[in-house]
Protein backbone atom coordinates (compact mmCIF):
# COMPACT_ATOMS: atom_id res chain seq x y z
CA MET A 1 -12.95 31.17 31.43
CA VAL A 2 -14.24 28.81 28.74
CA LEU A 3 -11.93 26.02 27.64
CA SER A 4 -13.21 24.55 24.42
CA VAL A 5 -11.16 22.65 21.88
CA SER A 6 -13.02 21.17 18.97
CA MET A 7 -11.59 18.33 16.92
CA ASN A 8 -13.04 15.50 14.87
CA ILE A 9 -11.25 12.23 14.23
CA SER A 10 -12.38 10.54 11.03
CA VAL A 11 -12.25 6.81 10.47
CA PHE A 12 -13.46 5.48 7.13
CA ASN A 13 -14.26 2.09 5.80
CA LYS A 14 -15.78 1.18 2.46
CA TYR A 15 -19.27 0.99 3.98
CA VAL A 16 -19.47 3.68 6.66
CA GLN A 17 -17.90 7.04 7.38
CA HIS A 18 -17.67 7.49 11.14
CA ILE A 19 -16.95 10.97 12.49
CA MET A 20 -16.26 10.99 16.18
CA THR A 21 -17.58 14.08 17.91
CA LYS A 22 -15.46 15.26 20.77
CA LEU A 23 -17.27 15.80 24.03
CA ASN A 24 -16.22 19.19 25.40
CA ILE A 25 -15.94 19.70 29.14
CA ASP A 26 -17.78 22.81 30.27
CA THR A 27 -15.39 24.51 32.68
CA GLY A 28 -17.78 27.35 33.47
CA THR A 29 -17.38 31.07 33.01
CA SER A 30 -14.92 31.77 35.82
CA GLY A 31 -12.89 29.84 38.39
CA ASN A 32 -15.05 27.55 40.57
CA PRO A 33 -18.44 29.32 40.35
CA ALA A 34 -20.16 25.92 39.88
CA THR A 35 -21.42 26.91 36.43
CA GLY A 36 -19.64 24.15 34.49
CA ASP A 37 -19.77 20.36 34.43
CA THR A 38 -19.36 18.54 37.71
CA LEU A 39 -16.10 16.68 38.18
CA ARG A 40 -17.92 13.36 37.68
CA THR A 41 -19.59 14.53 34.43
CA ALA A 42 -16.29 15.95 33.13
CA MET A 43 -14.36 12.76 33.82
CA THR A 44 -17.18 10.67 32.27
CA LYS A 45 -16.76 12.75 29.10
CA VAL A 46 -12.98 12.21 29.23
CA ASN A 47 -13.46 8.44 29.56
CA THR A 48 -16.03 8.40 26.74
CA ASN A 49 -13.64 10.32 24.47
CA PHE A 50 -10.77 7.91 25.20
CA ASP A 51 -13.02 4.83 24.89
CA GLU A 52 -14.04 5.94 21.41
CA VAL A 53 -10.45 6.69 20.34
CA TYR A 54 -9.27 3.30 21.62
CA SER A 55 -12.13 1.49 19.88
CA LEU A 56 -11.30 3.18 16.57
CA ILE A 57 -7.50 2.94 16.50
CA GLY A 58 -6.64 0.25 19.02
CA ASP A 59 -4.99 -0.16 22.39
CA GLY A 60 -1.63 1.63 22.58
CA SER A 61 -0.19 -1.09 24.84
CA THR A 62 0.01 -3.55 21.91
CA GLY A 63 1.97 -1.30 19.56
CA LEU A 64 -0.66 -1.92 16.87
CA ILE A 65 -2.96 0.56 15.23
CA THR A 66 -6.19 -1.35 14.62
CA THR A 67 -9.87 -0.67 14.19
CA SER A 68 -12.83 -2.46 15.74
CA VAL A 69 -15.02 -1.26 12.85
CA THR A 70 -16.06 -4.39 10.89
CA ASN A 71 -14.19 -4.45 7.55
CA GLY A 72 -12.74 -1.05 8.47
CA ASP A 73 -9.74 0.32 6.60
CA LEU A 74 -6.89 2.16 8.29
CA LYS A 75 -6.04 5.34 6.45
CA LEU A 76 -3.03 7.51 7.14
CA GLN A 77 -3.05 10.69 5.11
CA ALA A 78 -0.35 13.33 5.10
CA ASN A 79 -1.32 16.99 4.88
CA GLY A 80 -0.44 18.99 1.75
CA ALA A 81 2.91 17.93 0.30
CA GLY A 82 3.72 15.92 3.43
CA ALA A 83 4.63 12.23 3.34
CA ILE A 84 3.88 9.26 5.55
CA GLU A 85 7.11 7.76 6.86
CA ILE A 86 7.30 4.14 7.97
CA ASP A 87 10.73 3.12 9.21
CA THR A 88 12.94 3.96 6.17
CA LEU A 89 10.12 4.20 3.61
CA SER A 90 8.24 7.28 2.49
CA ILE A 91 4.79 7.08 0.92
CA THR A 92 3.70 10.16 -1.01
CA ASN A 93 0.53 9.89 -3.07
CA SER A 94 1.09 6.73 -5.13
CA THR A 95 4.90 6.73 -4.78
CA ILE A 96 6.80 4.51 -2.34
CA SER A 97 10.44 5.56 -1.97
CA SER A 98 13.35 4.99 0.37
CA ILE A 99 14.22 7.71 2.86
CA THR A 100 17.80 6.40 2.96
CA THR A 101 19.92 7.81 0.10
CA ASN A 102 20.86 5.24 -2.59
CA ALA A 103 18.97 2.45 -0.79
CA ASP A 104 17.06 -0.32 -2.54
CA ILE A 105 13.40 -1.10 -1.91
CA THR A 106 13.00 -4.84 -1.47
CA LEU A 107 9.66 -6.59 -1.89
CA THR A 108 9.71 -10.12 -0.50
CA ALA A 109 6.79 -12.53 -0.49
CA ASN A 110 6.24 -14.70 2.57
CA GLY A 111 6.61 -18.50 2.35
CA THR A 112 5.53 -19.75 -1.05
CA GLY A 113 3.82 -16.45 -1.91
CA ASN A 114 4.67 -14.39 -4.98
CA ILE A 115 5.03 -10.70 -5.72
CA VAL A 116 2.18 -9.72 -8.02
CA LEU A 117 2.40 -6.44 -9.93
CA ASP A 118 -0.86 -6.02 -11.85
CA ALA A 119 -0.57 -8.45 -14.79
CA VAL A 120 2.90 -9.79 -13.91
CA THR A 121 4.04 -12.20 -11.19
CA ILE A 122 7.63 -12.43 -9.95
CA SER A 123 8.58 -15.63 -8.14
CA ASP A 124 12.24 -16.27 -7.38
CA ASN A 125 13.93 -15.65 -10.75
CA ILE A 126 10.82 -16.25 -12.89
CA ILE A 127 8.67 -13.45 -14.34
CA THR A 128 5.33 -14.57 -15.78
CA ALA A 129 2.23 -12.93 -17.27
CA ASN A 130 -0.90 -13.51 -15.14
CA ARG A 131 -3.56 -13.54 -17.86
CA SER A 132 -4.02 -16.62 -20.02
CA ASN A 133 -2.31 -16.46 -23.43
CA ASP A 134 -0.77 -13.01 -22.76
CA ASN A 135 2.69 -12.26 -24.12
CA LEU A 136 5.36 -11.08 -21.71
CA GLN A 137 7.02 -8.09 -23.32
CA LEU A 138 10.38 -6.47 -22.61
CA ASP A 139 10.37 -3.14 -24.39
CA ALA A 140 13.06 -0.45 -24.43
CA THR A 141 12.02 3.15 -25.08
CA GLY A 142 13.26 5.46 -27.82
CA THR A 143 16.39 4.12 -29.47
CA GLY A 144 17.17 1.84 -26.51
CA ALA A 145 17.52 -1.92 -26.87
CA VAL A 146 16.76 -4.97 -24.76
CA GLU A 147 20.12 -6.56 -23.98
CA MET A 148 20.68 -10.21 -23.06
CA ILE A 149 24.13 -10.55 -21.56
CA PRO A 150 24.48 -14.10 -20.18
CA ILE A 151 26.84 -16.64 -21.70
CA LYS A 152 23.98 -19.02 -22.45
CA ILE A 153 20.35 -18.32 -23.36
CA LEU A 154 17.92 -21.24 -23.16
CA MET A 155 14.73 -21.25 -25.21
CA ALA A 156 12.40 -24.08 -24.25
CA ASN A 157 9.36 -25.18 -26.25
CA LEU A 158 10.29 -23.57 -29.59
CA PRO A 159 8.12 -24.71 -32.49
CA THR A 160 9.87 -27.29 -34.67
CA SER A 161 8.34 -25.95 -37.87
CA ASN A 162 7.78 -22.47 -39.29
CA PRO A 163 4.83 -20.92 -37.39
CA ASN A 164 4.36 -18.34 -40.20
CA VAL A 165 4.31 -15.48 -37.69
CA ALA A 166 6.74 -12.71 -38.61
CA GLY A 167 9.59 -12.43 -36.11
CA GLN A 168 8.81 -15.65 -34.21
CA LEU A 169 11.72 -17.99 -33.59
CA PHE A 170 11.49 -21.67 -34.47
CA ARG A 171 13.85 -24.65 -34.58
CA SER A 172 14.46 -26.47 -37.82
CA GLY A 173 16.67 -29.48 -37.08
CA ASN A 174 19.72 -28.02 -35.32
CA ASP A 175 19.16 -24.53 -36.73
CA LEU A 176 17.48 -21.58 -35.01
CA ARG A 177 15.44 -19.60 -37.51
CA VAL A 178 13.23 -16.49 -37.58
CA SER A 179 9.91 -16.73 -39.38
CA THR A 180 9.18 -14.10 -42.02
CA GLY A 181 5.44 -14.67 -41.71
């Protein structure tokens, strides 16, 4: 009887692709004819296999999946149309969604950190553009409109003379005006 299971575990980082080769235990051709690995050799292979798995994904007693590979990434990849589920989140390709029906997804920065989405930063109730001199645009699609519903809208730092830029607001005395360009 030959017991042979072949499996590779892949761990990648941006510098090295490491493919762990599984050490198979030769159990011989039939029961106890002394044609396979000795018990000591077999158990050495078992320990070597486990040592390599633990060094690549961490010690299970900590509850953490880690890698000892310097600058190594951890990659979880679902098969086919499968998804990776973490608590109540599902990650499929580049989409993060809630597993719980009608649930929100909340992104919260730690301490004084911010939430940065490409060229936009959200901090408390302030949304700002990240690149110098960029405009922050709110744009509705199709025939939609951008609605401002509060009772009061504050506009700080308006020019006090016509900037001669079509559509730009400016303050003239106590009047709010729109430049025609």
